[in-house]
């Protein structure tokens, strides 16, 4: 396999992954909620903390706190600013857990369609085999009855 084929397969896999992730609406909602939370808390920290000098710094602080990056370039010094930061940290933990679970479910769910199709095929084949087996058993019963009839006629002829 050439490198071109390898990269082509990787690209196809990534496109397929993107398509599957776009089908999972909760990921969109998580991103919207996270962005909204960063805007709201960023504005709140900007209002209550004297060390946050601009709205952009407040939003940046909220985002990196929620994402657990914590660069330390923007740090609140007031009690309320730090309290909002602590709330953001806990909120970020929950959002990260939901995001990870949703992302994992999307990855696992990618193969469920083909798995369900394969299971459906197996079930159909099983029903076909059971139907054929039933027909074979009916034929065996019929042959057994026919054999019994022939034996009884043979025994009657021997007696005569």
N, C-alpha and C. Protein backbone atom coordinates (compact mmCIF):
# COMPACT_ATOMS: atom_id res chain seq x y z
N UNK A 1 0.85 -1.17 0.00
CA UNK A 1 0.00 0.00 0.00
C UNK A 1 0.90 1.23 0.00
N UNK A 2 0.64 2.14 -0.92
CA UNK A 2 1.46 3.34 -1.03
C UNK A 2 1.03 4.38 0.00
N UNK A 3 1.88 5.37 0.19
CA UNK A 3 1.55 6.44 1.12
C UNK A 3 0.31 7.20 0.66
N UNK A 4 0.17 7.33 -0.67
CA UNK A 4 -1.00 8.02 -1.21
C UNK A 4 -2.28 7.30 -0.82
N UNK A 5 -2.29 5.97 -0.92
CA UNK A 5 -3.47 5.18 -0.52
C UNK A 5 -3.73 5.31 0.97
N UNK A 6 -2.65 5.30 1.74
CA UNK A 6 -2.77 5.43 3.19
C UNK A 6 -3.39 6.77 3.56
N UNK A 7 -2.90 7.85 2.95
CA UNK A 7 -3.45 9.17 3.23
C UNK A 7 -4.89 9.28 2.72
N UNK A 8 -5.16 8.66 1.58
CA UNK A 8 -6.53 8.67 1.05
C UNK A 8 -7.49 7.98 1.99
N UNK A 9 -7.08 6.83 2.53
CA UNK A 9 -7.93 6.10 3.49
C UNK A 9 -8.13 6.90 4.76
N UNK A 10 -7.06 7.54 5.24
CA UNK A 10 -7.16 8.36 6.45
C UNK A 10 -8.11 9.53 6.20
N UNK A 11 -8.02 10.14 5.04
CA UNK A 11 -8.90 11.26 4.71
C UNK A 11 -10.36 10.80 4.65
N UNK A 12 -10.61 9.65 4.03
CA UNK A 12 -11.98 9.11 3.96
C UNK A 12 -12.52 8.84 5.36
N UNK A 13 -11.64 8.30 6.23
CA UNK A 13 -12.07 8.01 7.60
C UNK A 13 -12.42 9.30 8.32
N UNK A 14 -11.61 10.35 8.13
CA UNK A 14 -11.88 11.63 8.80
C UNK A 14 -13.16 12.27 8.29
N UNK A 15 -13.40 12.19 6.99
CA UNK A 15 -14.64 12.73 6.43
C UNK A 15 -15.84 11.97 6.99
N UNK A 16 -15.73 10.65 7.07
CA UNK A 16 -16.80 9.82 7.63
C UNK A 16 -17.03 10.18 9.10
N UNK A 17 -15.95 10.39 9.84
CA UNK A 17 -16.06 10.77 11.25
C UNK A 17 -16.75 12.12 11.37
N UNK A 18 -16.36 13.08 10.54
CA UNK A 18 -16.98 14.41 10.56
C UNK A 18 -18.47 14.29 10.30
N UNK A 19 -18.85 13.51 9.29
CA UNK A 19 -20.27 13.34 8.97
C UNK A 19 -21.04 12.74 10.13
N UNK A 20 -20.45 11.75 10.79
CA UNK A 20 -21.13 11.12 11.94
C UNK A 20 -21.23 12.07 13.12
N UNK A 21 -20.20 12.88 13.34
CA UNK A 21 -20.23 13.81 14.46
C UNK A 21 -21.25 14.92 14.22
N UNK A 22 -21.42 15.32 12.96
CA UNK A 22 -22.41 16.35 12.66
C UNK A 22 -23.83 15.86 12.87
N UNK A 23 -24.03 14.55 12.84
CA UNK A 23 -25.35 13.98 13.08
C UNK A 23 -25.71 14.02 14.56
N UNK A 24 -24.71 14.13 15.42
CA UNK A 24 -24.94 14.13 16.87
C UNK A 24 -25.19 15.57 17.29
N UNK A 25 -26.46 15.91 17.47
CA UNK A 25 -26.85 17.29 17.77
C UNK A 25 -26.36 17.76 19.13
N UNK A 26 -26.19 16.84 20.07
CA UNK A 26 -25.79 17.26 21.41
C UNK A 26 -24.42 17.93 21.40
N UNK A 27 -23.55 17.54 20.48
CA UNK A 27 -22.23 18.17 20.40
C UNK A 27 -22.37 19.65 20.03
N UNK A 28 -23.28 19.95 19.13
CA UNK A 28 -23.53 21.35 18.78
C UNK A 28 -24.05 22.11 20.01
N UNK A 29 -24.97 21.50 20.73
CA UNK A 29 -25.53 22.15 21.90
C UNK A 29 -24.46 22.39 22.97
N UNK A 30 -23.58 21.45 23.14
CA UNK A 30 -22.51 21.60 24.14
C UNK A 30 -21.62 22.78 23.76
N UNK A 31 -21.27 22.89 22.49
CA UNK A 31 -20.41 24.00 22.05
C UNK A 31 -21.13 25.33 22.23
N UNK A 32 -22.42 25.36 21.89
CA UNK A 32 -23.19 26.60 22.07
C UNK A 32 -23.28 26.97 23.54
N UNK A 33 -23.55 26.00 24.39
CA UNK A 33 -23.64 26.26 25.84
C UNK A 33 -22.29 26.72 26.38
N UNK A 34 -21.21 26.07 25.96
CA UNK A 34 -19.88 26.46 26.43
C UNK A 34 -19.53 27.88 26.00
N UNK A 35 -19.79 28.21 24.74
CA UNK A 35 -19.49 29.56 24.25
C UNK A 35 -20.35 30.60 24.97
N UNK A 36 -21.63 30.29 25.16
CA UNK A 36 -22.52 31.22 25.87
C UNK A 36 -22.07 31.42 27.31
N UNK A 37 -21.69 30.34 27.95
CA UNK A 37 -21.21 30.42 29.33
C UNK A 37 -19.95 31.26 29.42
N UNK A 38 -19.03 31.07 28.47
CA UNK A 38 -17.80 31.86 28.46
C UNK A 38 -18.12 33.35 28.28
N UNK A 39 -19.07 33.67 27.42
CA UNK A 39 -19.45 35.07 27.21
C UNK A 39 -20.08 35.67 28.47
N UNK A 40 -21.02 34.95 29.06
CA UNK A 40 -21.74 35.46 30.24
C UNK A 40 -20.79 35.59 31.44
N UNK A 41 -20.04 34.52 31.73
CA UNK A 41 -19.14 34.57 32.88
C UNK A 41 -17.98 35.53 32.62
N UNK A 42 -17.54 35.60 31.37
CA UNK A 42 -16.48 36.55 31.03
C UNK A 42 -16.91 37.98 31.28
N UNK A 43 -18.15 38.29 30.91
CA UNK A 43 -18.69 39.62 31.16
C UNK A 43 -18.83 39.86 32.66
N UNK A 44 -19.31 38.84 33.39
CA UNK A 44 -19.48 38.98 34.84
C UNK A 44 -18.13 39.19 35.53
N UNK A 45 -17.12 38.44 35.14
CA UNK A 45 -15.79 38.61 35.76
C UNK A 45 -15.23 39.98 35.42
N UNK A 46 -15.46 40.45 34.21
CA UNK A 46 -15.00 41.78 33.80
C UNK A 46 -15.64 42.85 34.68
N UNK A 47 -16.93 42.65 35.03
CA UNK A 47 -17.63 43.64 35.84
C UNK A 47 -17.19 43.62 37.30
N UNK A 48 -16.90 42.44 37.87
CA UNK A 48 -16.66 42.35 39.32
C UNK A 48 -15.18 42.36 39.71
N UNK A 49 -14.28 42.13 38.78
CA UNK A 49 -12.86 42.01 39.17
C UNK A 49 -12.04 43.16 38.59
N UNK A 50 -11.32 43.87 39.45
CA UNK A 50 -10.53 45.01 38.96
C UNK A 50 -9.29 44.58 38.15
N UNK A 51 -8.87 43.35 38.28
CA UNK A 51 -7.68 42.89 37.57
C UNK A 51 -7.99 42.48 36.12
N UNK A 52 -9.26 42.34 35.79
CA UNK A 52 -9.67 42.02 34.42
C UNK A 52 -9.96 43.35 33.74
N UNK A 53 -9.09 43.73 32.78
CA UNK A 53 -9.12 45.10 32.24
C UNK A 53 -10.00 45.26 30.99
N UNK A 54 -10.40 44.17 30.35
CA UNK A 54 -11.24 44.30 29.17
C UNK A 54 -12.22 43.13 29.11
N UNK A 55 -13.28 43.33 28.32
CA UNK A 55 -14.25 42.26 28.13
C UNK A 55 -13.59 41.06 27.47
N UNK A 56 -12.69 41.30 26.55
CA UNK A 56 -11.96 40.21 25.89
C UNK A 56 -11.15 39.40 26.89
N UNK A 57 -10.50 40.09 27.84
CA UNK A 57 -9.76 39.37 28.89
C UNK A 57 -10.69 38.53 29.76
N UNK A 58 -11.87 39.06 30.06
CA UNK A 58 -12.84 38.32 30.88
C UNK A 58 -13.31 37.06 30.16
N UNK A 59 -13.62 37.20 28.87
CA UNK A 59 -14.08 36.04 28.09
C UNK A 59 -12.94 35.04 27.95
N UNK A 60 -11.72 35.54 27.72
CA UNK A 60 -10.55 34.65 27.61
C UNK A 60 -10.35 33.88 28.92
N UNK A 61 -10.42 34.61 30.05
CA UNK A 61 -10.26 33.96 31.34
C UNK A 61 -11.34 32.89 31.55
N UNK A 62 -12.58 33.21 31.21
CA UNK A 62 -13.68 32.26 31.39
C UNK A 62 -13.45 31.02 30.53
N UNK A 63 -13.03 31.23 29.30
CA UNK A 63 -12.83 30.09 28.40
C UNK A 63 -11.70 29.18 28.87
N UNK A 64 -10.54 29.76 29.22
CA UNK A 64 -9.41 28.91 29.63
C UNK A 64 -9.68 28.27 30.99
N UNK A 65 -10.47 28.92 31.85
CA UNK A 65 -10.82 28.29 33.13
C UNK A 65 -11.76 27.13 32.90
N UNK A 66 -12.74 27.33 32.02
CA UNK A 66 -13.71 26.28 31.75
C UNK A 66 -13.04 25.10 31.03
N UNK A 67 -12.04 25.39 30.21
CA UNK A 67 -11.35 24.33 29.47
C UNK A 67 -10.21 23.71 30.28
N UNK A 68 -9.98 24.19 31.48
CA UNK A 68 -8.95 23.69 32.38
C UNK A 68 -7.55 23.85 31.82
N UNK A 69 -7.36 24.91 31.05
CA UNK A 69 -6.03 25.22 30.53
C UNK A 69 -5.29 26.06 31.54
N UNK A 70 -5.90 27.14 31.97
CA UNK A 70 -5.34 27.98 33.02
C UNK A 70 -3.98 28.55 32.70
N UNK A 71 -3.88 29.37 31.66
CA UNK A 71 -2.59 29.95 31.27
C UNK A 71 -2.00 30.83 32.36
N UNK A 72 -2.84 31.51 33.11
CA UNK A 72 -2.33 32.37 34.16
C UNK A 72 -2.02 33.78 33.69
N UNK A 73 -2.28 34.09 32.44
CA UNK A 73 -2.02 35.43 31.94
C UNK A 73 -3.09 36.42 32.40
N UNK A 74 -4.30 35.93 32.65
CA UNK A 74 -5.38 36.76 33.18
C UNK A 74 -5.88 36.06 34.43
N UNK A 75 -5.74 36.75 35.58
CA UNK A 75 -6.08 36.14 36.87
C UNK A 75 -6.93 37.10 37.68
N UNK A 76 -8.09 36.66 38.13
CA UNK A 76 -8.90 37.54 38.99
C UNK A 76 -8.29 37.63 40.38
N UNK A 77 -8.47 38.78 40.99
CA UNK A 77 -7.91 38.98 42.34
C UNK A 77 -9.00 39.15 43.39
N UNK A 78 -10.22 39.43 42.98
CA UNK A 78 -11.30 39.64 43.94
C UNK A 78 -11.93 38.29 44.30
N UNK A 79 -12.63 38.32 45.44
CA UNK A 79 -13.31 37.11 45.90
C UNK A 79 -14.37 36.67 44.88
N UNK A 80 -15.18 37.60 44.41
CA UNK A 80 -16.23 37.25 43.44
C UNK A 80 -15.64 36.73 42.13
N UNK A 81 -14.54 37.33 41.69
CA UNK A 81 -13.89 36.86 40.46
C UNK A 81 -13.38 35.43 40.61
N UNK A 82 -12.79 35.15 41.76
CA UNK A 82 -12.30 33.79 42.01
C UNK A 82 -13.44 32.81 42.20
N UNK A 83 -14.52 33.25 42.83
CA UNK A 83 -15.70 32.40 42.99
C UNK A 83 -16.29 32.05 41.62
N UNK A 84 -16.39 33.03 40.74
CA UNK A 84 -16.87 32.76 39.39
C UNK A 84 -15.92 31.79 38.67
N UNK A 85 -14.63 31.94 38.91
CA UNK A 85 -13.65 31.02 38.32
C UNK A 85 -13.84 29.60 38.82
N UNK A 86 -14.10 29.45 40.11
CA UNK A 86 -14.34 28.12 40.67
C UNK A 86 -15.60 27.49 40.08
N UNK A 87 -16.64 28.30 39.92
CA UNK A 87 -17.88 27.80 39.30
C UNK A 87 -17.60 27.36 37.87
N UNK A 88 -16.82 28.14 37.16
CA UNK A 88 -16.47 27.81 35.78
C UNK A 88 -15.69 26.49 35.71
N UNK A 89 -14.81 26.30 36.64
CA UNK A 89 -14.01 25.06 36.65
C UNK A 89 -14.93 23.85 36.81
N UNK A 90 -15.86 23.91 37.77
CA UNK A 90 -16.78 22.79 37.96
C UNK A 90 -17.70 22.61 36.76
N UNK A 91 -18.17 23.72 36.21
CA UNK A 91 -19.02 23.65 35.03
C UNK A 91 -18.24 23.03 33.87
N UNK A 92 -16.99 23.42 33.72
CA UNK A 92 -16.15 22.88 32.65
C UNK A 92 -15.94 21.39 32.80
N UNK A 93 -15.79 20.92 34.03
CA UNK A 93 -15.66 19.47 34.25
C UNK A 93 -16.88 18.72 33.74
N UNK A 94 -18.05 19.23 34.09
CA UNK A 94 -19.29 18.60 33.64
C UNK A 94 -19.44 18.65 32.13
N UNK A 95 -19.14 19.79 31.53
CA UNK A 95 -19.25 19.93 30.08
C UNK A 95 -18.26 19.00 29.38
N UNK A 96 -17.06 18.90 29.93
CA UNK A 96 -16.05 18.03 29.32
C UNK A 96 -16.50 16.57 29.39
N UNK A 97 -17.10 16.18 30.51
CA UNK A 97 -17.58 14.79 30.66
C UNK A 97 -18.70 14.51 29.67
N UNK A 98 -19.64 15.43 29.52
CA UNK A 98 -20.74 15.24 28.58
C UNK A 98 -20.21 15.22 27.15
N UNK A 99 -19.29 16.13 26.85
CA UNK A 99 -18.71 16.18 25.50
C UNK A 99 -17.97 14.88 25.18
N UNK A 100 -17.17 14.40 26.11
CA UNK A 100 -16.42 13.17 25.89
C UNK A 100 -17.36 11.98 25.71
N UNK A 101 -18.39 11.89 26.53
CA UNK A 101 -19.35 10.80 26.41
C UNK A 101 -20.08 10.86 25.07
N UNK A 102 -20.48 12.04 24.65
CA UNK A 102 -21.18 12.20 23.37
C UNK A 102 -20.27 11.88 22.20
N UNK A 103 -19.04 12.33 22.28
CA UNK A 103 -18.07 12.05 21.22
C UNK A 103 -17.81 10.55 21.12
N UNK A 104 -17.66 9.91 22.28
CA UNK A 104 -17.44 8.46 22.29
C UNK A 104 -18.65 7.72 21.74
N UNK A 105 -19.83 8.16 22.12
CA UNK A 105 -21.05 7.52 21.61
C UNK A 105 -21.13 7.67 20.09
N UNK A 106 -20.72 8.83 19.58
CA UNK A 106 -20.74 9.03 18.13
C UNK A 106 -19.75 8.09 17.45
N UNK A 107 -18.58 7.92 18.04
CA UNK A 107 -17.59 7.02 17.45
C UNK A 107 -18.06 5.57 17.49
N UNK A 108 -18.64 5.18 18.60
CA UNK A 108 -19.13 3.81 18.73
C UNK A 108 -20.33 3.59 17.82
N UNK A 109 -21.20 4.59 17.75
CA UNK A 109 -22.39 4.49 16.94
C UNK A 109 -22.12 4.40 15.46
N UNK A 110 -20.92 4.78 15.02
CA UNK A 110 -20.58 4.71 13.60
C UNK A 110 -20.73 3.30 13.07
N UNK A 111 -20.36 2.33 13.86
CA UNK A 111 -20.37 0.95 13.40
C UNK A 111 -21.67 0.22 13.73
N UNK A 112 -22.56 0.87 14.47
CA UNK A 112 -23.80 0.19 14.86
C UNK A 112 -24.70 -0.08 13.66
N UNK A 113 -24.70 0.83 12.68
CA UNK A 113 -25.53 0.62 11.51
C UNK A 113 -25.12 -0.63 10.76
N UNK A 114 -23.83 -0.79 10.52
CA UNK A 114 -23.37 -1.99 9.81
C UNK A 114 -23.56 -3.23 10.69
N UNK A 115 -23.40 -3.08 12.00
CA UNK A 115 -23.61 -4.20 12.91
C UNK A 115 -25.07 -4.64 12.88
N UNK A 116 -25.99 -3.66 12.90
CA UNK A 116 -27.42 -4.00 12.85
C UNK A 116 -27.77 -4.67 11.54
N UNK A 117 -27.19 -4.17 10.45
CA UNK A 117 -27.45 -4.77 9.15
C UNK A 117 -26.94 -6.21 9.11
N UNK A 118 -25.75 -6.42 9.67
CA UNK A 118 -25.18 -7.76 9.70
C UNK A 118 -26.03 -8.68 10.57
N UNK A 119 -26.49 -8.18 11.71
CA UNK A 119 -27.35 -8.99 12.58
C UNK A 119 -28.67 -9.33 11.87
N UNK A 120 -29.20 -8.38 11.13
CA UNK A 120 -30.43 -8.63 10.39
C UNK A 120 -30.21 -9.73 9.35
N UNK A 121 -29.07 -9.69 8.68
CA UNK A 121 -28.75 -10.73 7.70
C UNK A 121 -28.61 -12.10 8.36
N UNK A 122 -27.96 -12.13 9.52
CA UNK A 122 -27.79 -13.39 10.26
C UNK A 122 -29.15 -13.93 10.69
N UNK A 123 -30.02 -13.04 11.18
CA UNK A 123 -31.35 -13.48 11.59
C UNK A 123 -32.13 -14.03 10.40
N UNK A 124 -32.04 -13.38 9.25
CA UNK A 124 -32.73 -13.86 8.06
C UNK A 124 -32.20 -15.22 7.64
N UNK A 125 -30.88 -15.36 7.64
CA UNK A 125 -30.28 -16.66 7.29
C UNK A 125 -30.71 -17.74 8.28
N UNK A 126 -30.78 -17.39 9.55
CA UNK A 126 -31.21 -18.34 10.58
C UNK A 126 -32.65 -18.78 10.33
N UNK A 127 -33.53 -17.82 10.02
CA UNK A 127 -34.92 -18.18 9.71
C UNK A 127 -35.00 -19.08 8.48
N UNK A 128 -34.20 -18.79 7.47
CA UNK A 128 -34.18 -19.63 6.27
C UNK A 128 -33.73 -21.05 6.60
N UNK A 129 -32.68 -21.16 7.40
CA UNK A 129 -32.17 -22.48 7.79
C UNK A 129 -33.22 -23.22 8.61
N UNK A 130 -33.88 -22.52 9.54
CA UNK A 130 -34.92 -23.16 10.34
C UNK A 130 -36.07 -23.64 9.47
N UNK A 131 -36.45 -22.84 8.47
CA UNK A 131 -37.51 -23.23 7.55
C UNK A 131 -37.11 -24.48 6.76
N UNK A 132 -35.89 -24.50 6.26
CA UNK A 132 -35.40 -25.66 5.53
C UNK A 132 -35.31 -26.89 6.43
N UNK A 133 -34.86 -26.67 7.65
CA UNK A 133 -34.76 -27.78 8.61
C UNK A 133 -36.15 -28.34 8.90
N UNK A 134 -37.13 -27.47 9.04
CA UNK A 134 -38.50 -27.91 9.28
C UNK A 134 -39.01 -28.75 8.12
N UNK A 135 -38.70 -28.32 6.90
CA UNK A 135 -39.12 -29.09 5.73
C UNK A 135 -38.43 -30.45 5.69
N UNK A 136 -37.17 -30.50 6.04
CA UNK A 136 -36.44 -31.77 6.07
C UNK A 136 -37.05 -32.69 7.12
N UNK A 137 -37.37 -32.15 8.30
CA UNK A 137 -37.98 -32.97 9.35
C UNK A 137 -39.35 -33.48 8.93
N UNK A 138 -40.14 -32.66 8.26
CA UNK A 138 -41.44 -33.12 7.78
C UNK A 138 -41.26 -34.25 6.76
N UNK A 139 -40.29 -34.09 5.89
CA UNK A 139 -40.03 -35.13 4.90
C UNK A 139 -39.56 -36.42 5.57
N UNK A 140 -38.74 -36.30 6.61
CA UNK A 140 -38.30 -37.49 7.35
C UNK A 140 -39.48 -38.19 8.02
N UNK A 141 -40.40 -37.42 8.60
CA UNK A 141 -41.59 -38.00 9.22
C UNK A 141 -42.41 -38.72 8.16
N UNK A 142 -42.60 -38.07 7.00
CA UNK A 142 -43.37 -38.69 5.91
C UNK A 142 -42.70 -39.99 5.45
N UNK A 143 -41.37 -39.97 5.31
CA UNK A 143 -40.65 -41.18 4.89
C UNK A 143 -40.74 -42.27 5.95
N UNK A 144 -40.69 -41.87 7.21
CA UNK A 144 -40.80 -42.85 8.30
C UNK A 144 -42.18 -43.51 8.27
N UNK A 145 -43.21 -42.71 8.07
CA UNK A 145 -44.56 -43.27 7.98
C UNK A 145 -44.67 -44.21 6.77
N UNK A 146 -44.10 -43.78 5.67
CA UNK A 146 -44.14 -44.61 4.46
C UNK A 146 -43.39 -45.92 4.69
N UNK A 147 -42.25 -45.85 5.37
CA UNK A 147 -41.48 -47.06 5.69
C UNK A 147 -42.29 -47.98 6.60
N UNK A 148 -42.98 -47.42 7.59
CA UNK A 148 -43.83 -48.23 8.48
C UNK A 148 -44.93 -48.92 7.68
N UNK A 149 -45.54 -48.20 6.76
CA UNK A 149 -46.59 -48.81 5.91
C UNK A 149 -46.02 -49.95 5.08
N UNK A 150 -44.85 -49.74 4.50
CA UNK A 150 -44.24 -50.79 3.69
C UNK A 150 -43.87 -52.00 4.53
N UNK A 151 -43.38 -51.77 5.75
CA UNK A 151 -43.03 -52.89 6.63
C UNK A 151 -44.29 -53.67 7.02
N UNK A 152 -45.35 -52.93 7.32
CA UNK A 152 -46.58 -53.64 7.71
C UNK A 152 -47.13 -54.45 6.53
N UNK A 153 -47.06 -53.94 5.32
CA UNK A 153 -47.52 -54.69 4.14
C UNK A 153 -46.63 -55.92 3.91
N UNK A 154 -45.35 -55.70 4.11
CA UNK A 154 -44.41 -56.82 3.94
C UNK A 154 -44.70 -57.90 4.98
N UNK A 155 -44.97 -57.53 6.22
CA UNK A 155 -45.30 -58.49 7.25
C UNK A 155 -46.62 -59.20 6.96
N UNK A 156 -47.59 -58.48 6.40
CA UNK A 156 -48.86 -59.10 6.04
C UNK A 156 -48.66 -60.11 4.91
N UNK A 157 -47.83 -59.77 3.98
CA UNK A 157 -47.56 -60.69 2.85
C UNK A 157 -46.81 -61.93 3.33
N UNK A 158 -45.97 -61.79 4.28
CA UNK A 158 -45.22 -62.94 4.82
C UNK A 158 -46.18 -63.87 5.57
N UNK A 159 -47.18 -63.35 6.25
CA UNK A 159 -48.13 -64.15 7.00
C UNK A 159 -49.01 -64.93 6.05
N UNK A 160 -49.33 -64.37 4.93
CA UNK A 160 -50.21 -65.04 3.97
C UNK A 160 -49.44 -66.05 3.23
